[in-house]
Amino acid sequence: MGKILALLIVLIVVGSVWSFVSGHWWFPVGISEHAGAIDAQFKRTAVVVAVAFIASQLALAYAVFKYGSKGSERAIYSHGNNKLEAIWTGITAVIFIILAFLGQVVWYNLHIRDAAPGAVQVDVVGQQFQWNFHYPGKDGIMGSTDAKYINDAALNYVGLNPDDETSKDDIQMSILVIPEKRPVAIKIRSKDVIHDLFIPALRIKQDAVPGMNVAMHFTATKTGKYEIACAELCGSLHYNMKTFMLVVSQDEYDQLSAMSEDKFKERINQLMAAEPLQ
């Protein structure tokens, strides 16, 4: 029985490793400037975890193979070796501190470092169970918002201030529309519970927290239609909180920016119907 169980452990290890190295279960193609750095960080982390996983499971298989059929023989108690424990604890700490530092470099570039001048401004508001995107409209100025103005019945999902002249041409819709190869700066917030803006193609996964405005920026490098989901359990219809990101050419975006809200939404619906999901 011990030999069969040891063989089963080895097969599980081989199957687990193959599931990663085969490339069948990995990220979709990245379309942002920072996607390469994030993918590299994931790969570094996966290699470290894989080494630990393979070593520990093969050690377990060896122990089961050698001692699994010993019957009633009692295990030998050992006090361990303090020196060896200190060495492998120190090595583990150094490896994971380095990984954490490398990951923070990417995070800093996206969240702390300012977006490039001329970046497109988009505000993101999550609610149960939809995403709302706020665009500055024809004047190019983002109108002021306040939670007290939020009124779903009046389709004012982001809380546009009706007394602010700059907000009168602002656009609200449930689809994220951005230009290709141009920096985009977004601010993410929630008006009820914690949500999570997850755009796999951009390698973005950021919580939307009530009472907080979380800023980040990115640059999409390829036109197309991509999926957006909520990656934080937010209620009974969480599974249905999904929408799309539409990346268009700069010329197309310039034309959209000059449109009224009705024309803007009409054109977006046309593009969405014509564009296949990437």
Protein backbone atom coordinates (compact mmCIF):
# COMPACT_ATOMS: atom_id res chain seq x y z
CA MET A 1 0.00 0.00 0.00
CA GLY A 2 2.87 2.37 0.82
CA LYS A 3 4.42 1.96 -2.65
CA ILE A 4 1.11 2.61 -4.41
CA LEU A 5 0.52 5.76 -2.35
CA ALA A 6 4.07 6.97 -3.07
CA LEU A 7 3.54 6.44 -6.80
CA LEU A 8 0.25 8.36 -6.59
CA ILE A 9 2.01 11.31 -4.92
CA VAL A 10 4.66 11.36 -7.66
CA LEU A 11 1.98 11.30 -10.38
CA ILE A 12 0.17 14.21 -8.71
CA VAL A 13 3.43 16.19 -8.66
CA VAL A 14 4.11 15.45 -12.33
CA GLY A 15 0.55 16.39 -13.31
CA SER A 16 0.68 19.64 -11.31
CA VAL A 17 3.97 20.69 -12.89
CA TRP A 18 2.74 19.83 -16.38
CA SER A 19 -0.42 21.92 -15.91
CA PHE A 20 1.81 25.02 -15.59
CA VAL A 21 4.68 24.34 -18.00
CA SER A 22 2.30 23.22 -20.78
CA GLY A 23 0.93 26.76 -20.99
CA HIS A 24 -2.71 25.61 -21.17
CA TRP A 25 -3.65 27.32 -17.91
CA TRP A 26 -1.94 30.68 -17.94
CA PHE A 27 -2.83 34.31 -18.48
CA PRO A 28 -4.33 35.63 -21.71
CA VAL A 29 -2.06 37.73 -23.91
CA GLY A 30 -1.10 40.93 -22.09
CA ILE A 31 -1.93 44.21 -23.83
CA SER A 32 -0.47 46.77 -21.41
CA GLU A 33 3.02 48.23 -21.08
CA HIS A 34 3.42 46.77 -17.59
CA ALA A 35 2.07 43.28 -18.47
CA GLY A 36 5.57 41.91 -19.15
CA ALA A 37 6.86 42.98 -15.73
CA ILE A 38 3.85 41.49 -13.93
CA ASP A 39 4.10 38.22 -15.87
CA ALA A 40 7.82 38.01 -15.05
CA GLN A 41 7.01 38.48 -11.35
CA PHE A 42 4.41 35.71 -11.48
CA LYS A 43 6.88 33.39 -13.19
CA ARG A 44 9.60 34.08 -10.61
CA THR A 45 7.15 33.39 -7.80
CA ALA A 46 5.87 30.25 -9.52
CA VAL A 47 9.41 28.88 -9.92
CA VAL A 48 10.21 29.43 -6.22
CA VAL A 49 6.95 27.84 -5.10
CA ALA A 50 7.39 24.99 -7.59
CA VAL A 51 10.84 24.12 -6.22
CA ALA A 52 9.49 24.02 -2.66
CA PHE A 53 6.41 22.05 -3.72
CA ILE A 54 8.34 19.45 -5.74
CA ALA A 55 11.01 18.98 -3.06
CA SER A 56 8.50 18.58 -0.23
CA GLN A 57 6.20 16.23 -2.14
CA LEU A 58 9.03 14.01 -3.40
CA ALA A 59 10.37 13.84 0.16
CA LEU A 60 6.90 12.80 1.29
CA ALA A 61 6.72 10.15 -1.45
CA TYR A 62 10.14 8.80 -0.40
CA ALA A 63 9.07 8.59 3.25
CA VAL A 64 5.82 6.83 2.35
CA PHE A 65 7.66 4.44 0.01
CA LYS A 66 10.35 3.56 2.55
CA TYR A 67 8.35 3.49 5.76
CA GLY A 68 4.75 3.03 4.64
CA SER A 69 4.82 -0.77 4.91
CA LYS A 70 6.64 -1.10 8.25
CA GLY A 71 3.55 -2.28 10.08
CA SER A 72 3.47 -1.37 13.76
CA GLU A 73 7.03 0.02 13.93
CA ARG A 74 7.07 3.26 15.93
CA ALA A 75 8.54 6.44 14.50
CA ILE A 76 11.79 7.75 15.97
CA TYR A 77 11.50 11.07 17.78
CA SER A 78 14.10 13.68 16.90
CA HIS A 79 14.89 16.99 18.59
CA GLY A 80 15.90 18.42 15.19
CA ASN A 81 18.93 20.50 14.30
CA ASN A 82 18.79 24.17 15.26
CA LYS A 83 21.60 25.11 12.89
CA LEU A 84 19.91 23.55 9.86
CA GLU A 85 16.58 25.13 10.79
CA ALA A 86 18.19 28.56 11.06
CA ILE A 87 19.89 28.13 7.68
CA TRP A 88 16.82 27.09 5.72
CA THR A 89 14.65 29.67 7.48
CA GLY A 90 17.18 32.38 6.55
CA ILE A 91 17.37 31.24 2.93
CA THR A 92 13.57 31.19 2.65
CA ALA A 93 13.33 34.68 4.16
CA VAL A 94 15.91 36.13 1.74
CA ILE A 95 14.18 34.59 -1.30
CA PHE A 96 10.74 35.90 -0.39
CA ILE A 97 12.02 39.34 0.62
CA ILE A 98 13.64 39.66 -2.82
CA LEU A 99 10.42 38.55 -4.52
CA ALA A 100 8.41 41.04 -2.47
CA PHE A 101 10.80 43.88 -3.35
CA LEU A 102 10.62 43.11 -7.07
CA GLY A 103 6.82 43.03 -6.89
CA GLN A 104 6.70 46.37 -5.07
CA VAL A 105 8.68 48.01 -7.87
CA VAL A 106 5.90 47.15 -10.35
CA TRP A 107 3.20 48.22 -7.88
CA TYR A 108 4.96 51.55 -7.27
CA ASN A 109 5.10 52.33 -10.98
CA LEU A 110 1.35 51.75 -11.34
CA HIS A 111 0.00 53.33 -8.14
CA ILE A 112 2.49 55.84 -6.72
CA ARG A 113 4.27 57.26 -9.75
CA ASP A 114 2.14 59.85 -11.54
CA ALA A 115 0.69 59.11 -14.94
CA ALA A 116 2.37 60.74 -17.93
CA PRO A 117 1.15 64.25 -18.86
CA GLY A 118 -1.91 64.22 -21.10
CA ALA A 119 -3.22 60.93 -19.73
CA VAL A 120 -6.88 60.13 -20.38
CA GLN A 121 -8.97 60.53 -17.21
CA VAL A 122 -11.62 57.95 -16.32
CA ASP A 123 -13.37 57.47 -12.97
CA VAL A 124 -14.61 54.01 -12.01
CA VAL A 125 -17.46 53.41 -9.55
CA GLY A 126 -18.43 49.91 -8.47
CA GLN A 127 -21.84 49.05 -7.06
CA GLN A 128 -23.95 45.96 -6.57
CA PHE A 129 -23.87 44.64 -9.28
CA GLN A 130 -22.42 46.76 -12.07
CA TRP A 131 -19.43 48.88 -13.07
CA ASN A 132 -19.93 52.55 -13.91
CA PHE A 133 -17.36 54.55 -15.90
CA HIS A 134 -17.31 58.34 -15.85
CA TYR A 135 -15.83 60.30 -18.78
CA PRO A 136 -15.19 64.07 -18.96
CA GLY A 137 -17.28 64.70 -22.08
CA LYS A 138 -16.78 67.22 -24.90
CA ASP A 139 -15.14 69.92 -22.76
CA GLY A 140 -12.43 67.52 -21.61
CA ILE A 141 -13.01 68.51 -17.95
CA MET A 142 -14.11 65.95 -15.38
CA GLY A 143 -17.14 67.34 -13.56
CA SER A 144 -17.35 67.22 -9.77
CA THR A 145 -19.17 64.39 -8.02
CA ASP A 146 -20.56 63.75 -4.56
CA ALA A 147 -22.15 60.69 -3.00
CA LYS A 148 -25.22 62.72 -2.00
CA TYR A 149 -26.10 63.18 -5.68
CA ILE A 150 -26.09 59.47 -6.51
CA ASN A 151 -29.51 58.54 -7.84
CA ASP A 152 -29.92 55.26 -9.68
CA ALA A 153 -33.48 56.10 -10.69
CA ALA A 154 -32.17 59.21 -12.48
CA LEU A 155 -29.26 57.23 -13.96
CA ASN A 156 -26.78 59.35 -11.97
CA TYR A 157 -24.71 56.38 -10.86
CA VAL A 158 -21.49 58.28 -10.11
CA GLY A 159 -23.06 61.24 -8.30
CA LEU A 160 -22.53 64.06 -10.82
CA ASN A 161 -23.10 67.47 -9.30
CA PRO A 162 -26.05 69.04 -11.22
CA ASP A 163 -24.91 72.55 -10.22
CA ASP A 164 -21.47 72.12 -11.79
CA GLU A 165 -21.45 73.41 -15.37
CA THR A 166 -18.47 71.20 -16.27
CA SER A 167 -20.41 68.06 -15.38
CA LYS A 168 -23.34 68.72 -17.71
CA ASP A 169 -21.63 67.11 -20.72
CA ASP A 170 -19.99 64.29 -18.74
CA ILE A 171 -20.75 60.73 -19.81
CA GLN A 172 -21.63 57.72 -17.66
CA MET A 173 -21.81 54.20 -19.04
CA SER A 174 -21.08 50.60 -18.10
CA ILE A 175 -18.31 50.03 -20.69
CA LEU A 176 -14.69 51.14 -20.31
CA VAL A 177 -13.53 52.88 -23.50
CA ILE A 178 -9.87 53.91 -23.82
CA PRO A 179 -7.48 54.81 -26.64
CA GLU A 180 -4.65 52.61 -27.81
CA LYS A 181 -1.04 53.46 -26.88
CA ARG A 182 -1.96 56.42 -24.67
CA PRO A 183 -1.64 56.61 -20.87
CA VAL A 184 -4.91 56.23 -18.99
CA ALA A 185 -5.30 57.40 -15.38
CA ILE A 186 -8.21 55.97 -13.42
CA LYS A 187 -9.64 56.49 -9.95
CA ILE A 188 -11.56 53.59 -8.48
CA ARG A 189 -14.15 53.74 -5.72
CA SER A 190 -17.22 51.88 -4.49
CA LYS A 191 -20.58 53.19 -3.28
CA ASP A 192 -21.66 50.15 -1.24
CA VAL A 193 -19.36 47.16 -0.52
CA ILE A 194 -15.86 46.12 -1.57
CA HIS A 195 -15.57 45.21 -5.25
CA ASP A 196 -12.52 44.38 -7.33
CA LEU A 197 -11.83 45.68 -10.85
CA PHE A 198 -10.25 42.76 -12.71
CA ILE A 199 -9.07 43.24 -16.30
CA PRO A 200 -6.95 40.16 -17.14
CA ALA A 201 -5.64 41.52 -20.46
CA LEU A 202 -4.23 44.59 -18.67
CA ARG A 203 -3.05 42.58 -15.64
CA ILE A 204 -5.12 44.92 -13.43
CA LYS A 205 -6.80 43.65 -10.28
CA GLN A 206 -7.62 46.47 -7.88
CA ASP A 207 -10.08 46.62 -4.99
CA ALA A 208 -12.78 49.31 -5.02
CA VAL A 209 -13.21 50.26 -1.36
CA PRO A 210 -16.05 52.41 0.04
CA GLY A 211 -14.71 55.78 1.21
CA MET A 212 -11.47 55.52 -0.77
CA ASN A 213 -10.33 56.82 -4.17
CA VAL A 214 -7.65 54.45 -5.44
CA ALA A 215 -5.56 55.88 -8.28
CA MET A 216 -3.60 53.90 -10.83
CA HIS A 217 -2.61 54.20 -14.48
CA PHE A 218 -1.78 52.01 -17.47
CA THR A 219 -1.29 52.08 -21.24
CA ALA A 220 -3.10 49.60 -23.50
CA THR A 221 -1.08 48.52 -26.53
CA LYS A 222 -3.65 46.71 -28.68
CA THR A 223 -7.16 47.54 -29.89
CA GLY A 224 -10.01 45.13 -29.26
CA LYS A 225 -12.79 44.11 -26.86
CA TYR A 226 -11.76 42.56 -23.54
CA GLU A 227 -13.61 41.23 -20.51
CA ILE A 228 -13.89 42.98 -17.15
CA ALA A 229 -15.04 41.17 -14.02
CA CYS A 230 -15.46 41.75 -10.31
CA ALA A 231 -12.97 39.58 -8.44
CA GLU A 232 -14.29 40.23 -4.93
CA LEU A 233 -17.36 38.40 -3.61
CA CYS A 234 -19.84 41.28 -3.27
CA GLY A 235 -23.27 39.67 -2.89
CA SER A 236 -25.75 37.22 -4.36
CA LEU A 237 -25.35 38.50 -7.95
CA HIS A 238 -21.56 38.83 -7.82
CA TYR A 239 -21.23 36.37 -10.70
CA ASN A 240 -23.15 38.75 -12.94
CA MET A 241 -20.99 41.84 -12.25
CA LYS A 242 -19.08 41.87 -15.51
CA THR A 243 -18.67 44.15 -18.48
CA PHE A 244 -16.16 44.94 -21.25
CA MET A 245 -13.24 47.20 -22.07
CA LEU A 246 -13.06 48.58 -25.59
CA VAL A 247 -9.63 49.74 -26.78
CA VAL A 248 -9.92 51.94 -29.88
CA SER A 249 -7.51 53.87 -32.07
CA GLN A 250 -6.60 57.41 -31.07
CA ASP A 251 -8.51 58.81 -34.06
CA GLU A 252 -11.63 56.91 -33.06
CA TYR A 253 -11.28 58.08 -29.46
CA ASP A 254 -10.90 61.70 -30.54
CA GLN A 255 -14.13 61.41 -32.51
CA LEU A 256 -15.90 59.83 -29.55
CA SER A 257 -14.69 62.61 -27.24
CA ALA A 258 -16.33 65.21 -29.44
CA MET A 259 -19.75 63.51 -29.33
CA SER A 260 -22.74 64.13 -27.10
CA GLU A 261 -23.61 61.42 -24.58
CA ASP A 262 -26.32 59.90 -26.80
CA LYS A 263 -24.08 59.81 -29.87
CA PHE A 264 -21.18 58.49 -27.77
CA LYS A 265 -23.23 55.57 -26.47
CA GLU A 266 -24.71 54.86 -29.89
CA ARG A 267 -21.24 54.64 -31.45
CA ILE A 268 -19.93 52.46 -28.62
CA ASN A 269 -22.81 50.03 -29.08
CA GLN A 270 -21.96 49.80 -32.79
CA LEU A 271 -18.31 49.10 -32.06
CA MET A 272 -19.18 46.55 -29.39
CA ALA A 273 -21.44 44.65 -31.80
CA ALA A 274 -18.77 44.60 -34.52
CA GLU A 275 -15.76 43.73 -32.33
CA PRO A 276 -15.16 40.07 -31.33
CA LEU A 277 -14.14 39.31 -27.75
CA GLN A 278 -10.38 38.84 -27.50
